[in-house]
């Protein structure tokens, strides 16, 4: 995935805030397979799906995150209450109005799915 797209979807200031809100990831005990993917890569893939209103299975391979992994983390983050906490943190924090609107729209799209 291109760095420009990644930065547009999840700017550094948004990632800094979200990274502290993410629950600890526990790999599945399935044996074999790859190690866990970078949280920022997965979060960016999830933001792409939410903002494009695309189906999970249509996640472009350029994200280097499988649709199943993106969806599984999305569900885990929903269960952990990430999106509401993110929305609150954005509304209470500093930043430009456009940036806040973007972050809040991501959180609201996640909560409506």
C-alpha atoms as a PDB file:
ATOM      1  CA  UNK A   1       0.000   0.000   0.000  1.00  0.00           C
ATOM      2  CA  UNK A   2       1.304   3.428  -0.827  1.00  0.00           C
ATOM      3  CA  UNK A   3       2.650   5.603   1.940  1.00  0.00           C
ATOM      4  CA  UNK A   4       0.549   8.549   0.755  1.00  0.00           C
ATOM      5  CA  UNK A   5      -2.686   6.557   1.012  1.00  0.00           C
ATOM      6  CA  UNK A   6      -1.680   5.225   4.403  1.00  0.00           C
ATOM      7  CA  UNK A   7      -0.950   8.732   5.695  1.00  0.00           C
ATOM      8  CA  UNK A   8      -4.207  10.054   4.284  1.00  0.00           C
ATOM      9  CA  UNK A   9      -6.272   7.291   5.885  1.00  0.00           C
ATOM     10  CA  UNK A  10      -4.444   7.260   9.214  1.00  0.00           C
ATOM     11  CA  UNK A  11      -2.344  10.391   9.769  1.00  0.00           C
ATOM     12  CA  UNK A  12       0.396  10.169  12.400  1.00  0.00           C
ATOM     13  CA  UNK A  13      -1.510  12.190  15.007  1.00  0.00           C
ATOM     14  CA  UNK A  14      -4.543   9.889  14.689  1.00  0.00           C
ATOM     15  CA  UNK A  15      -2.356   6.798  14.936  1.00  0.00           C
ATOM     16  CA  UNK A  16      -0.606   8.136  18.049  1.00  0.00           C
ATOM     17  CA  UNK A  17      -3.970   8.509  19.755  1.00  0.00           C
ATOM     18  CA  UNK A  18      -5.418   5.205  18.556  1.00  0.00           C
ATOM     19  CA  UNK A  19      -2.307   3.144  19.338  1.00  0.00           C
ATOM     20  CA  UNK A  20      -2.732   3.850  23.040  1.00  0.00           C
ATOM     21  CA  UNK A  21      -6.393   2.762  22.916  1.00  0.00           C
ATOM     22  CA  UNK A  22      -5.905  -0.569  21.162  1.00  0.00           C
ATOM     23  CA  UNK A  23      -6.376  -3.646  23.311  1.00  0.00           C
ATOM     24  CA  UNK A  24      -3.495  -6.091  23.568  1.00  0.00           C
ATOM     25  CA  UNK A  25      -3.528  -8.522  20.673  1.00  0.00           C
ATOM     26  CA  UNK A  26      -3.460 -12.203  21.529  1.00  0.00           C
ATOM     27  CA  UNK A  27      -2.492 -14.458  18.634  1.00  0.00           C
ATOM     28  CA  UNK A  28      -4.768 -17.404  17.986  1.00  0.00           C
ATOM     29  CA  UNK A  29      -3.439 -20.752  19.117  1.00  0.00           C
ATOM     30  CA  UNK A  30      -3.787 -22.457  15.776  1.00  0.00           C
ATOM     31  CA  UNK A  31      -0.166 -23.386  15.357  1.00  0.00           C
ATOM     32  CA  UNK A  32       1.995 -22.552  12.381  1.00  0.00           C
ATOM     33  CA  UNK A  33       1.217 -19.508  10.320  1.00  0.00           C
ATOM     34  CA  UNK A  34       2.768 -16.062  10.476  1.00  0.00           C
ATOM     35  CA  UNK A  35       3.425 -13.844  13.430  1.00  0.00           C
ATOM     36  CA  UNK A  36       0.975 -11.048  14.235  1.00  0.00           C
ATOM     37  CA  UNK A  37       0.801  -8.166  11.788  1.00  0.00           C
ATOM     38  CA  UNK A  38       1.653  -4.603  12.701  1.00  0.00           C
ATOM     39  CA  UNK A  39      -1.359  -2.949  14.378  1.00  0.00           C
ATOM     40  CA  UNK A  40      -1.047   0.181  12.261  1.00  0.00           C
ATOM     41  CA  UNK A  41      -1.202  -1.817   9.030  1.00  0.00           C
ATOM     42  CA  UNK A  42      -4.303  -3.657  10.190  1.00  0.00           C
ATOM     43  CA  UNK A  43      -5.928  -0.477  11.511  1.00  0.00           C
ATOM     44  CA  UNK A  44      -5.279   1.271   8.194  1.00  0.00           C
ATOM     45  CA  UNK A  45      -6.841  -1.642   6.294  1.00  0.00           C
ATOM     46  CA  UNK A  46      -9.896  -1.494   8.561  1.00  0.00           C
ATOM     47  CA  UNK A  47     -10.185   2.274   8.048  1.00  0.00           C
ATOM     48  CA  UNK A  48     -10.048   1.706   4.290  1.00  0.00           C
ATOM     49  CA  UNK A  49     -12.949  -0.757   4.439  1.00  0.00           C
ATOM     50  CA  UNK A  50     -14.971   1.531   6.722  1.00  0.00           C
ATOM     51  CA  UNK A  51     -14.374   4.683   4.706  1.00  0.00           C
ATOM     52  CA  UNK A  52     -14.939   3.059   1.324  1.00  0.00           C
ATOM     53  CA  UNK A  53     -17.997   1.113   2.526  1.00  0.00           C
ATOM     54  CA  UNK A  54     -16.418  -1.835   0.762  1.00  0.00           C
ATOM     55  CA  UNK A  55     -16.970  -5.485   1.591  1.00  0.00           C
ATOM     56  CA  UNK A  56     -14.196  -7.042   3.666  1.00  0.00           C
ATOM     57  CA  UNK A  57     -13.469  -9.506   0.866  1.00  0.00           C
ATOM     58  CA  UNK A  58     -12.747  -6.566  -1.465  1.00  0.00           C
ATOM     59  CA  UNK A  59      -9.830  -5.283   0.630  1.00  0.00           C
ATOM     60  CA  UNK A  60      -7.040  -4.658  -1.909  1.00  0.00           C
ATOM     61  CA  UNK A  61      -4.041  -6.976  -1.612  1.00  0.00           C
ATOM     62  CA  UNK A  62      -1.801  -3.882  -1.587  1.00  0.00           C
ATOM     63  CA  UNK A  63      -2.635  -3.514   2.119  1.00  0.00           C
ATOM     64  CA  UNK A  64      -0.761  -6.782   2.842  1.00  0.00           C
ATOM     65  CA  UNK A  65      -3.491  -7.673   5.349  1.00  0.00           C
ATOM     66  CA  UNK A  66      -5.910 -10.474   4.593  1.00  0.00           C
ATOM     67  CA  UNK A  67      -9.617  -9.641   4.670  1.00  0.00           C
ATOM     68  CA  UNK A  68     -10.079 -12.291   7.375  1.00  0.00           C
ATOM     69  CA  UNK A  69      -7.408 -10.728   9.592  1.00  0.00           C
ATOM     70  CA  UNK A  70      -8.786  -7.215   9.115  1.00  0.00           C
ATOM     71  CA  UNK A  71     -12.313  -8.384   9.935  1.00  0.00           C
ATOM     72  CA  UNK A  72     -11.202 -10.468  12.922  1.00  0.00           C
ATOM     73  CA  UNK A  73      -9.355  -7.499  14.459  1.00  0.00           C
ATOM     74  CA  UNK A  74     -12.288  -5.190  13.656  1.00  0.00           C
ATOM     75  CA  UNK A  75     -14.615  -7.497  15.596  1.00  0.00           C
ATOM     76  CA  UNK A  76     -12.162  -7.750  18.497  1.00  0.00           C
ATOM     77  CA  UNK A  77     -11.828  -3.979  18.601  1.00  0.00           C
ATOM     78  CA  UNK A  78     -15.623  -3.590  18.553  1.00  0.00           C
ATOM     79  CA  UNK A  79     -15.956  -5.991  21.467  1.00  0.00           C
ATOM     80  CA  UNK A  80     -13.274  -4.066  23.358  1.00  0.00           C
ATOM     81  CA  UNK A  81     -15.135  -0.756  22.857  1.00  0.00           C
ATOM     82  CA  UNK A  82     -12.322   0.816  20.840  1.00  0.00           C
ATOM     83  CA  UNK A  83     -14.503   2.873  18.530  1.00  0.00           C
ATOM     84  CA  UNK A  84     -16.458   4.662  21.254  1.00  0.00           C
ATOM     85  CA  UNK A  85     -13.259   5.351  23.210  1.00  0.00           C
ATOM     86  CA  UNK A  86     -11.632   6.658  20.032  1.00  0.00           C
ATOM     87  CA  UNK A  87     -14.585   8.923  19.311  1.00  0.00           C
ATOM     88  CA  UNK A  88     -14.487  10.356  22.848  1.00  0.00           C
ATOM     89  CA  UNK A  89     -10.729  10.889  22.741  1.00  0.00           C
ATOM     90  CA  UNK A  90     -10.993  12.741  19.435  1.00  0.00           C
ATOM     91  CA  UNK A  91     -13.813  14.982  20.621  1.00  0.00           C
ATOM     92  CA  UNK A  92     -11.979  15.828  23.851  1.00  0.00           C
ATOM     93  CA  UNK A  93      -8.576  16.297  22.207  1.00  0.00           C
ATOM     94  CA  UNK A  94      -6.869  19.054  20.319  1.00  0.00           C
ATOM     95  CA  UNK A  95      -6.682  19.262  16.554  1.00  0.00           C
ATOM     96  CA  UNK A  96      -8.075  20.790  13.425  1.00  0.00           C
ATOM     97  CA  UNK A  97     -11.788  20.466  12.772  1.00  0.00           C
ATOM     98  CA  UNK A  98     -11.256  18.549   9.507  1.00  0.00           C
ATOM     99  CA  UNK A  99      -9.033  16.035  11.248  1.00  0.00           C
ATOM    100  CA  UNK A 100     -11.542  15.581  14.058  1.00  0.00           C
ATOM    101  CA  UNK A 101     -14.413  15.115  11.603  1.00  0.00           C
ATOM    102  CA  UNK A 102     -12.441  12.428   9.752  1.00  0.00           C
ATOM    103  CA  UNK A 103     -11.607  10.511  12.942  1.00  0.00           C
ATOM    104  CA  UNK A 104     -15.157  10.775  14.277  1.00  0.00           C
ATOM    105  CA  UNK A 105     -16.584   9.599  10.951  1.00  0.00           C
ATOM    106  CA  UNK A 106     -14.329   6.516  11.110  1.00  0.00           C
ATOM    107  CA  UNK A 107     -15.494   5.714  14.642  1.00  0.00           C
ATOM    108  CA  UNK A 108     -19.145   6.236  13.742  1.00  0.00           C
ATOM    109  CA  UNK A 109     -18.836   4.077  10.621  1.00  0.00           C
ATOM    110  CA  UNK A 110     -17.358   1.318  12.771  1.00  0.00           C
ATOM    111  CA  UNK A 111     -20.094   1.593  15.365  1.00  0.00           C
ATOM    112  CA  UNK A 112     -22.807   1.423  12.723  1.00  0.00           C
ATOM    113  CA  UNK A 113     -21.475  -1.788  11.129  1.00  0.00           C
END
